[in-house]
C-alpha atoms as a PDB file:
ATOM      1  CA  THR A   1     -37.142  40.648 -13.372  1.00  0.00           C
ATOM      2  CA  TRP A   2     -36.601  38.450 -16.309  1.00  0.00           C
ATOM      3  CA  ASP A   3     -39.014  38.710 -19.444  1.00  0.00           C
ATOM      4  CA  ILE A   4     -37.632  35.784 -21.426  1.00  0.00           C
ATOM      5  CA  VAL A   5     -36.566  32.300 -19.371  1.00  0.00           C
ATOM      6  CA  ALA A   6     -35.891  29.047 -20.932  1.00  0.00           C
ATOM      7  CA  PRO A   7     -34.871  26.123 -19.179  1.00  0.00           C
ATOM      8  CA  MET A   8     -32.191  23.764 -20.375  1.00  0.00           C
ATOM      9  CA  VAL A   9     -33.921  20.269 -20.463  1.00  0.00           C
ATOM     10  CA  VAL A  10     -32.672  16.759 -21.624  1.00  0.00           C
ATOM     11  CA  GLY A  11     -34.861  13.907 -21.582  1.00  0.00           C
ATOM     12  CA  GLU A  12     -36.703  14.536 -18.337  1.00  0.00           C
ATOM     13  CA  GLN A  13     -33.820  15.926 -16.835  1.00  0.00           C
ATOM     14  CA  THR A  14     -33.150  19.901 -16.203  1.00  0.00           C
ATOM     15  CA  LEU A  15     -30.098  20.810 -16.207  1.00  0.00           C
ATOM     16  CA  GLY A  16     -29.789  24.559 -15.974  1.00  0.00           C
ATOM     17  CA  VAL A  17     -32.084  27.827 -16.846  1.00  0.00           C
ATOM     18  CA  LEU A  18     -30.854  30.816 -19.131  1.00  0.00           C
ATOM     19  CA  ALA A  19     -32.841  34.156 -18.449  1.00  0.00           C
ATOM     20  CA  ILE A  20     -32.405  37.456 -19.863  1.00  0.00           C
ATOM     21  CA  SER A  21     -34.304  40.514 -19.240  1.00  0.00           C
ATOM     22  CA  ARG A  22     -35.649  42.588 -22.556  1.00  0.00           C
ATOM     23  CA  PRO A  23     -33.529  45.383 -23.721  1.00  0.00           C
ATOM     24  CA  GLU A  24     -34.588  48.200 -25.017  1.00  0.00           C
ATOM     25  CA  ARG A  25     -34.753  47.533 -29.226  1.00  0.00           C
ATOM     26  CA  HIS A  26     -35.712  43.501 -29.102  1.00  0.00           C
ATOM     27  CA  HIS A  27     -37.014  41.303 -31.775  1.00  0.00           C
ATOM     28  CA  ASP A  28     -40.510  38.978 -31.677  1.00  0.00           C
ATOM     29  CA  THR A  29     -38.064  35.801 -32.568  1.00  0.00           C
ATOM     30  CA  GLU A  30     -35.610  36.350 -29.476  1.00  0.00           C
ATOM     31  CA  ARG A  31     -37.817  33.419 -27.268  1.00  0.00           C
ATOM     32  CA  ASN A  32     -37.272  31.012 -29.521  1.00  0.00           C
ATOM     33  CA  VAL A  33     -33.680  32.077 -30.302  1.00  0.00           C
ATOM     34  CA  LEU A  34     -32.632  31.597 -26.280  1.00  0.00           C
ATOM     35  CA  GLU A  35     -35.132  28.474 -26.127  1.00  0.00           C
ATOM     36  CA  MET A  36     -32.610  27.054 -29.256  1.00  0.00           C
ATOM     37  CA  ILE A  37     -29.686  28.182 -27.135  1.00  0.00           C
ATOM     38  CA  ALA A  38     -30.898  26.575 -24.280  1.00  0.00           C
ATOM     39  CA  ARG A  39     -31.195  23.842 -25.827  1.00  0.00           C
ATOM     40  CA  ILE A  40     -28.217  22.938 -27.217  1.00  0.00           C
ATOM     41  CA  GLY A  41     -26.607  23.952 -24.101  1.00  0.00           C
ATOM     42  CA  ALA A  42     -28.191  21.370 -22.062  1.00  0.00           C
ATOM     43  CA  LEU A  43     -27.502  18.731 -24.556  1.00  0.00           C
ATOM     44  CA  THR A  44     -23.811  19.889 -24.662  1.00  0.00           C
ATOM     45  CA  THR A  45     -23.672  19.882 -20.850  1.00  0.00           C
ATOM     46  CA  GLN A  46     -24.971  16.315 -20.672  1.00  0.00           C
ATOM     47  CA  ASN A  47     -22.242  15.336 -23.376  1.00  0.00           C
ATOM     48  CA  VAL A  48     -19.640  17.032 -21.213  1.00  0.00           C
ATOM     49  CA  ALA A  49     -20.697  14.868 -18.545  1.00  0.00           C
ATOM     50  CA  ALA A  50     -20.956  11.418 -19.950  1.00  0.00           C
ATOM     51  CA  TYR A  51     -16.927  11.964 -21.691  1.00  0.00           C
ATOM     52  CA  ARG A  52     -16.176  12.563 -17.943  1.00  0.00           C
ATOM     53  CA  LYS A  53     -17.846   9.910 -16.869  1.00  0.00           C
ATOM     54  CA  LYS A  54     -16.416   7.468 -18.985  1.00  0.00           C
ATOM     55  CA  VAL A  55     -12.886   8.967 -19.039  1.00  0.00           C
ATOM     56  CA  SER A  56     -13.409   8.302 -15.175  1.00  0.00           C
ATOM     57  CA  GLU A  57     -14.805   5.080 -15.575  1.00  0.00           C
ATOM     58  CA  ALA A  58     -11.850   4.198 -17.860  1.00  0.00           C
ATOM     59  CA  GLU A  59      -9.554   5.129 -15.356  1.00  0.00           C
ATOM     60  CA  THR A  60     -11.420   3.582 -11.985  1.00  0.00           C
ATOM     61  CA  ASP A  61     -10.141  -0.027 -10.526  1.00  0.00           C
ATOM     62  CA  LYS A  62     -14.341  -1.434 -10.501  1.00  0.00           C
ATOM     63  CA  LEU A  63     -13.450  -3.469  -7.192  1.00  0.00           C
ATOM     64  CA  THR A  64     -11.544  -0.643  -4.987  1.00  0.00           C
ATOM     65  CA  GLU A  65     -12.943   2.209  -6.741  1.00  0.00           C
ATOM     66  CA  ILE A  66      -9.368   3.746  -6.714  1.00  0.00           C
ATOM     67  CA  TYR A  67      -6.888   4.523  -9.917  1.00  0.00           C
ATOM     68  CA  ASN A  68      -5.745   1.817 -12.046  1.00  0.00           C
ATOM     69  CA  LYS A  69      -2.505   0.668 -13.395  1.00  0.00           C
ATOM     70  CA  GLY A  70      -3.191   2.811 -16.641  1.00  0.00           C
ATOM     71  CA  ALA A  71      -4.212   5.896 -15.033  1.00  0.00           C
ATOM     72  CA  LEU A  72      -1.524   5.587 -12.467  1.00  0.00           C
ATOM     73  CA  LEU A  73       1.203   5.310 -14.447  1.00  0.00           C
ATOM     74  CA  LYS A  74      -0.033   8.474 -16.769  1.00  0.00           C
ATOM     75  CA  ARG A  75      -0.417  10.856 -13.609  1.00  0.00           C
ATOM     76  CA  LEU A  76       3.534   9.337 -12.558  1.00  0.00           C
ATOM     77  CA  ASP A  77       4.425  10.382 -15.900  1.00  0.00           C
ATOM     78  CA  PHE A  78       2.965  13.957 -15.208  1.00  0.00           C
ATOM     79  CA  ALA A  79       4.236  14.214 -11.716  1.00  0.00           C
ATOM     80  CA  ILE A  80       7.849  13.186 -13.278  1.00  0.00           C
ATOM     81  CA  ILE A  81       7.840  15.529 -15.452  1.00  0.00           C
ATOM     82  CA  GLU A  82       6.180  18.921 -13.236  1.00  0.00           C
ATOM     83  CA  ALA A  83       9.481  17.736 -11.301  1.00  0.00           C
ATOM     84  CA  ARG A  84      11.773  17.876 -13.980  1.00  0.00           C
ATOM     85  CA  LYS A  85      10.569  20.918 -14.776  1.00  0.00           C
ATOM     86  CA  ASN A  86      11.095  23.125 -11.386  1.00  0.00           C
ATOM     87  CA  SER A  87      13.891  21.202 -10.391  1.00  0.00           C
ATOM     88  CA  GLY A  88      11.915  19.249  -7.875  1.00  0.00           C
ATOM     89  CA  LYS A  89      11.459  15.603  -6.091  1.00  0.00           C
ATOM     90  CA  ALA A  90       8.295  13.132  -6.800  1.00  0.00           C
ATOM     91  CA  SER A  91       8.312   9.737  -4.749  1.00  0.00           C
ATOM     92  CA  VAL A  92       6.799   6.665  -4.864  1.00  0.00           C
ATOM     93  CA  PHE A  93       5.381   3.746  -2.528  1.00  0.00           C
ATOM     94  CA  ILE A  94       4.677   0.515  -4.268  1.00  0.00           C
ATOM     95  CA  PHE A  95       3.541  -2.131  -1.331  1.00  0.00           C
ATOM     96  CA  ASP A  96       1.523  -5.474  -1.625  1.00  0.00           C
ATOM     97  CA  LEU A  97      -0.304  -7.511   1.264  1.00  0.00           C
ATOM     98  CA  ASP A  98       1.829  -9.993   2.973  1.00  0.00           C
ATOM     99  CA  LYS A  99       0.735 -13.479   2.507  1.00  0.00           C
ATOM    100  CA  PHE A 100      -2.770 -12.810   0.692  1.00  0.00           C
ATOM    101  CA  LYS A 101      -2.995 -16.073  -0.759  1.00  0.00           C
ATOM    102  CA  ILE A 102      -3.415 -17.551   2.387  1.00  0.00           C
ATOM    103  CA  PHE A 103      -5.970 -15.134   3.478  1.00  0.00           C
ATOM    104  CA  ASN A 104      -7.646 -16.020   0.428  1.00  0.00           C
ATOM    105  CA  ASP A 105      -7.565 -19.612   0.895  1.00  0.00           C
ATOM    106  CA  THR A 106      -8.297 -19.278   5.123  1.00  0.00           C
ATOM    107  CA  ASN A 107     -11.223 -16.713   4.513  1.00  0.00           C
ATOM    108  CA  GLY A 108     -12.293 -16.465   1.316  1.00  0.00           C
ATOM    109  CA  HIS A 109     -11.790 -14.688  -2.375  1.00  0.00           C
ATOM    110  CA  MET A 110     -15.379 -13.067  -1.414  1.00  0.00           C
ATOM    111  CA  ALA A 111     -13.341 -11.944   2.076  1.00  0.00           C
ATOM    112  CA  GLY A 112     -10.160 -11.326  -0.346  1.00  0.00           C
ATOM    113  CA  ASP A 113     -11.963  -8.742  -1.976  1.00  0.00           C
ATOM    114  CA  ARG A 114     -13.495  -6.925   0.824  1.00  0.00           C
ATOM    115  CA  LEU A 115     -10.216  -6.924   2.032  1.00  0.00           C
ATOM    116  CA  LEU A 116      -8.490  -5.022  -0.584  1.00  0.00           C
ATOM    117  CA  LYS A 117     -11.489  -2.692  -0.947  1.00  0.00           C
ATOM    118  CA  LYS A 118     -11.735  -2.152   2.886  1.00  0.00           C
ATOM    119  CA  LEU A 119      -7.616  -1.267   2.844  1.00  0.00           C
ATOM    120  CA  ALA A 120      -8.017   1.003  -0.430  1.00  0.00           C
ATOM    121  CA  ASP A 121     -10.442   3.160   2.071  1.00  0.00           C
ATOM    122  CA  LEU A 122      -8.378   3.088   4.469  1.00  0.00           C
ATOM    123  CA  VAL A 123      -4.852   3.980   2.718  1.00  0.00           C
ATOM    124  CA  LYS A 124      -7.668   6.831   0.907  1.00  0.00           C
ATOM    125  CA  GLU A 125      -8.253   8.347   4.392  1.00  0.00           C
ATOM    126  CA  THR A 126      -4.165   8.576   5.188  1.00  0.00           C
ATOM    127  CA  VAL A 127      -2.869  10.100   2.521  1.00  0.00           C
ATOM    128  CA  ARG A 128      -2.613  13.420   1.762  1.00  0.00           C
ATOM    129  CA  SER A 129      -5.237  15.611  -1.016  1.00  0.00           C
ATOM    130  CA  ASP A 130      -2.741  15.871  -3.568  1.00  0.00           C
ATOM    131  CA  ASP A 131      -1.022  12.472  -3.631  1.00  0.00           C
ATOM    132  CA  ILE A 132      -2.979   9.854  -6.498  1.00  0.00           C
ATOM    133  CA  PHE A 133      -3.328   6.570  -4.837  1.00  0.00           C
ATOM    134  CA  GLY A 134      -4.523   2.914  -6.743  1.00  0.00           C
ATOM    135  CA  ARG A 135      -4.060  -0.487  -7.508  1.00  0.00           C
ATOM    136  CA  PHE A 136      -1.527  -1.374  -9.303  1.00  0.00           C
ATOM    137  CA  GLY A 137      -2.538  -5.138  -9.702  1.00  0.00           C
ATOM    138  CA  GLY A 138      -4.015  -8.031  -8.093  1.00  0.00           C
ATOM    139  CA  GLU A 139      -2.798  -6.943  -3.996  1.00  0.00           C
ATOM    140  CA  GLU A 140      -0.397  -4.238  -5.134  1.00  0.00           C
ATOM    141  CA  PHE A 141      -0.897  -0.729  -4.797  1.00  0.00           C
ATOM    142  CA  LEU A 142       0.642   2.158  -5.869  1.00  0.00           C
ATOM    143  CA  LEU A 143       1.375   5.759  -3.978  1.00  0.00           C
ATOM    144  CA  VAL A 144       2.188   8.120  -6.112  1.00  0.00           C
ATOM    145  CA  MET A 145       3.864  11.773  -3.960  1.00  0.00           C
ATOM    146  CA  PRO A 146       4.159  14.938  -6.343  1.00  0.00           C
ATOM    147  CA  GLY A 147       6.753  17.557  -4.660  1.00  0.00           C
ATOM    148  CA  ARG A 148       7.499  14.882  -1.830  1.00  0.00           C
ATOM    149  CA  SER A 149      11.320  14.089  -0.771  1.00  0.00           C
ATOM    150  CA  ALA A 150      12.917  10.303   0.476  1.00  0.00           C
ATOM    151  CA  GLY A 151      12.853  11.412   3.773  1.00  0.00           C
ATOM    152  CA  GLN A 152       9.163  13.132   3.262  1.00  0.00           C
ATOM    153  CA  ALA A 153       7.503   9.664   1.486  1.00  0.00           C
ATOM    154  CA  MET A 154       8.990   7.265   4.129  1.00  0.00           C
ATOM    155  CA  THR A 155       7.073   8.952   7.070  1.00  0.00           C
ATOM    156  CA  ALA A 156       3.752   8.706   4.676  1.00  0.00           C
ATOM    157  CA  ALA A 157       4.570   5.056   3.734  1.00  0.00           C
ATOM    158  CA  SER A 158       5.221   4.508   7.951  1.00  0.00           C
ATOM    159  CA  MET A 159       2.420   5.760   8.706  1.00  0.00           C
ATOM    160  CA  ILE A 160       0.387   3.395   6.069  1.00  0.00           C
ATOM    161  CA  ARG A 161       2.611   0.209   7.083  1.00  0.00           C
ATOM    162  CA  LYS A 162       1.204   1.180  11.119  1.00  0.00           C
ATOM    163  CA  ARG A 163      -2.179   2.214  10.684  1.00  0.00           C
ATOM    164  CA  ILE A 164      -2.739  -0.653   8.582  1.00  0.00           C
ATOM    165  CA  GLU A 165      -1.338  -3.088  10.771  1.00  0.00           C
ATOM    166  CA  GLU A 166      -3.347  -1.580  13.964  1.00  0.00           C
ATOM    167  CA  PHE A 167      -6.233  -1.810  11.959  1.00  0.00           C
ATOM    168  CA  PRO A 168      -8.976  -4.851  13.234  1.00  0.00           C
ATOM    169  CA  PHE A 169      -9.982  -6.375   9.050  1.00  0.00           C
ATOM    170  CA  GLU A 170     -12.347  -8.790   8.717  1.00  0.00           C
ATOM    171  CA  GLY A 171     -10.363 -12.269   9.011  1.00  0.00           C
ATOM    172  CA  GLY A 172      -7.299 -10.620   9.938  1.00  0.00           C
ATOM    173  CA  SER A 173      -6.805 -13.034  13.024  1.00  0.00           C
ATOM    174  CA  THR A 174      -6.375 -15.915  10.856  1.00  0.00           C
ATOM    175  CA  GLN A 175      -3.660 -14.578   8.951  1.00  0.00           C
ATOM    176  CA  PRO A 176       0.750 -15.362  10.120  1.00  0.00           C
ATOM    177  CA  GLY A 177       0.758 -13.091  13.414  1.00  0.00           C
ATOM    178  CA  GLY A 178      -2.547 -12.635  13.722  1.00  0.00           C
ATOM    179  CA  LYS A 179      -3.334  -9.196  11.686  1.00  0.00           C
ATOM    180  CA  VAL A 180      -3.285  -8.154   8.714  1.00  0.00           C
ATOM    181  CA  THR A 181       0.284  -6.321   6.973  1.00  0.00           C
ATOM    182  CA  ILE A 182       1.771  -5.339   4.042  1.00  0.00           C
ATOM    183  CA  SER A 183       5.387  -5.059   2.777  1.00  0.00           C
ATOM    184  CA  GLY A 184       7.184  -1.630   0.363  1.00  0.00           C
ATOM    185  CA  GLY A 185       9.367  -0.262  -1.474  1.00  0.00           C
ATOM    186  CA  VAL A 186       9.724   3.749  -1.425  1.00  0.00           C
ATOM    187  CA  ALA A 187      11.909   5.703  -4.013  1.00  0.00           C
ATOM    188  CA  CYS A 188      12.095   8.884  -5.194  1.00  0.00           C
ATOM    189  CA  PHE A 189      12.776  11.267  -8.011  1.00  0.00           C
ATOM    190  CA  PRO A 190      15.736  11.861  -9.211  1.00  0.00           C
ATOM    191  CA  ASP A 191      17.329  10.675  -6.298  1.00  0.00           C
ATOM    192  CA  ASP A 192      16.884   7.503  -7.069  1.00  0.00           C
ATOM    193  CA  ALA A 193      16.302   6.872 -10.687  1.00  0.00           C
ATOM    194  CA  PRO A 194      15.676   9.522 -13.623  1.00  0.00           C
ATOM    195  CA  ASP A 195      12.665   8.345 -14.797  1.00  0.00           C
ATOM    196  CA  GLY A 196       9.127   6.308 -14.108  1.00  0.00           C
ATOM    197  CA  VAL A 197      10.537   2.866 -15.437  1.00  0.00           C
ATOM    198  CA  ASP A 198      13.243   3.236 -12.914  1.00  0.00           C
ATOM    199  CA  LEU A 199      12.232   4.430 -10.299  1.00  0.00           C
ATOM    200  CA  LEU A 200       8.886   1.689 -10.224  1.00  0.00           C
ATOM    201  CA  ARG A 201      11.868  -0.773 -10.535  1.00  0.00           C
ATOM    202  CA  VAL A 202      13.678   0.340  -7.980  1.00  0.00           C
ATOM    203  CA  ALA A 203      11.120   0.973  -5.646  1.00  0.00           C
ATOM    204  CA  ASP A 204       9.637  -2.725  -6.477  1.00  0.00           C
ATOM    205  CA  ASP A 205      13.262  -3.978  -5.519  1.00  0.00           C
ATOM    206  CA  ALA A 206      12.651  -2.398  -2.613  1.00  0.00           C
ATOM    207  CA  LEU A 207       9.439  -3.898  -1.707  1.00  0.00           C
ATOM    208  CA  TYR A 208      11.234  -7.170  -3.014  1.00  0.00           C
ATOM    209  CA  LYS A 209      14.042  -6.832   0.035  1.00  0.00           C
ATOM    210  CA  ALA A 210      11.673  -5.655   2.525  1.00  0.00           C
ATOM    211  CA  LYS A 211       9.720  -9.459   1.970  1.00  0.00           C
ATOM    212  CA  GLN A 212      12.933 -10.412   2.374  1.00  0.00           C
ATOM    213  CA  GLY A 213      13.998  -8.745   5.666  1.00  0.00           C
ATOM    214  CA  GLY A 214      10.957 -10.471   7.179  1.00  0.00           C
ATOM    215  CA  ARG A 215       7.856  -8.652   5.547  1.00  0.00           C
ATOM    216  CA  ASN A 216       5.797  -6.342   7.823  1.00  0.00           C
ATOM    217  CA  ARG A 217       8.687  -3.323   6.632  1.00  0.00           C
ATOM    218  CA  VAL A 218       8.941  -0.528   4.596  1.00  0.00           C
ATOM    219  CA  PHE A 219      12.266  -0.340   2.972  1.00  0.00           C
ATOM    220  CA  ARG A 220      13.760   2.503   0.223  1.00  0.00           C
ATOM    221  CA  ALA A 221      15.683   2.124  -2.415  1.00  0.00           C
ATOM    222  CA  GLU A 222      18.511   4.069  -1.135  1.00  0.00           C
ATOM    223  CA  GLU A 223      18.853   2.088   1.972  1.00  0.00           C
ATOM    224  CA  ILE A 224      19.941  -1.507   0.235  1.00  0.00           C
ATOM    225  CA  GLY A 225      22.033   0.214  -2.774  1.00  0.00           C
ATOM    226  CA  LEU A 226      19.682   0.049  -5.674  1.00  0.00           C
ATOM    227  CA  ASN A 227      20.224   3.698  -6.247  1.00  0.00           C
ATOM    228  CA  PRO A 228      21.675   3.540 -10.227  1.00  0.00           C
END
């Protein structure tokens, strides 16, 4: 049985309730004090929620609702710091859509936006919960894989490439080859690069080689001699 109950209210929203049982010794102002604490707690809870929302918005790509470039770079740094501290590994998979300009020119930019959004949703469903996926810019995407070796990263990248190739995207039949495809590059820390900047560089070089090799494929940095 609660002797004093104070709702945590901000405006018209109730965020919680504070409740106490009356101690053996008490003061007449207990209710007022509890109500004041409840008001402060409600405002604090609201402010924390608002701050978290702002942080989330600042790190989210508005179109695809996944991480943006700034958030990806920050989390890549964290993944490498953790890997370095534990003598572990961290891998990246950078990829983009093949001949995306043709898709936009044929289907329109609104359809292109829908394609990017659907592709982002598809990849999110495919990756592990501890992977970090986001839009790196334009039609380019980045997957950061903490703790994954090069072999594990290549397996994940190949699975993503295959799932995208097989998915019936709206307007995909107008693409060369009759389907939407991607090309990408994989690199692993510390095997292929000593830091995040070089890791992205060699992965991007591998992506370029995949484009040159005929598209709709994934190359690893080591396979094409890009190790520093």
